[in-house]
Amino acid sequence: MTFDIQEILGFLPHRYPFLLIDRIVEFERTKRLVAIKNVTINEPFFQGHFPGYPIMPGVLVVEAMAQAGGIIIMYELPDREKKLVVFTGIERAKFRRPVTPGDQLRIEVEVLSFRPRAGRIEGKAYVDGKLACEATLTCRVVPRTREPRPETDGSGTASPAKTSHESPVSESMSTGTTE
C-alpha cells in the first residue's frame, strides 16, 4: 500500500514547514512503513544550519521518523481526527552521515510494540542506501484538544481566576507590590 501527500495530510496534523514526509512507498498495517522525504535547498532550516555548508538538523531526521511512525498508529484509530500522536522518548539515536540538499531520505520504521494508546518503533533513515540516522522512538496517543490550564500565582499553586477588569498592574498597585 502507498500514500501520496494528500493522503498523508489526512493522517498527520503537521503542515509546511514541519511536514517532513512526502510519500509513503511501503505500508504494512501495525508492522512497518517506508517513507520518502525529498530534501531541497528551499527548506527553511538551511538558512541557518549551516550557511555555506547546509546540513539537515539531525533532530529533524528523527522527527521525520516519528511522523512516519505516527502514520502507522493513526491509521488504526477510527477517530483519528480527534487524536494526536506525540513523542514520549528517543533512545539510542545515532547520526551516521549528514543529510544535505538534493538527498532523498528513505525512512524505514518498524513497530516494536503497538497498543491503541501507545507505541514503540525503530526508525532508520538512509541516503543512497547508506544509513544516515537510527533511533528507537516511543509515542503516545492524546486527545487533539487541550484542557485549559489553571492560572498559577507564580509558585505553581493555582490561583483564583482574575476577572476581565483586573490586570497585573492594577493588582500590584492595590497590594503595593511590584513584579
Foldseek 3Di string as FASTA:
>chain_A
DKDAPVVLVVQAVDDPPLQQFGMWDDDDAPWKTKTKGQAACPRVVQVVCPVVFGFDDPVSVVVNLVSRVSSNLSVPDPPSVFKHKDWDDKPPKDFDDTDGHRWMKIKMKTWPDDDNFKTKIWIFIDTPNHTGIIIITIIGMDTPDDDDDADDPVVPHGDDDDDPPDDPVVVCVVVVHDD
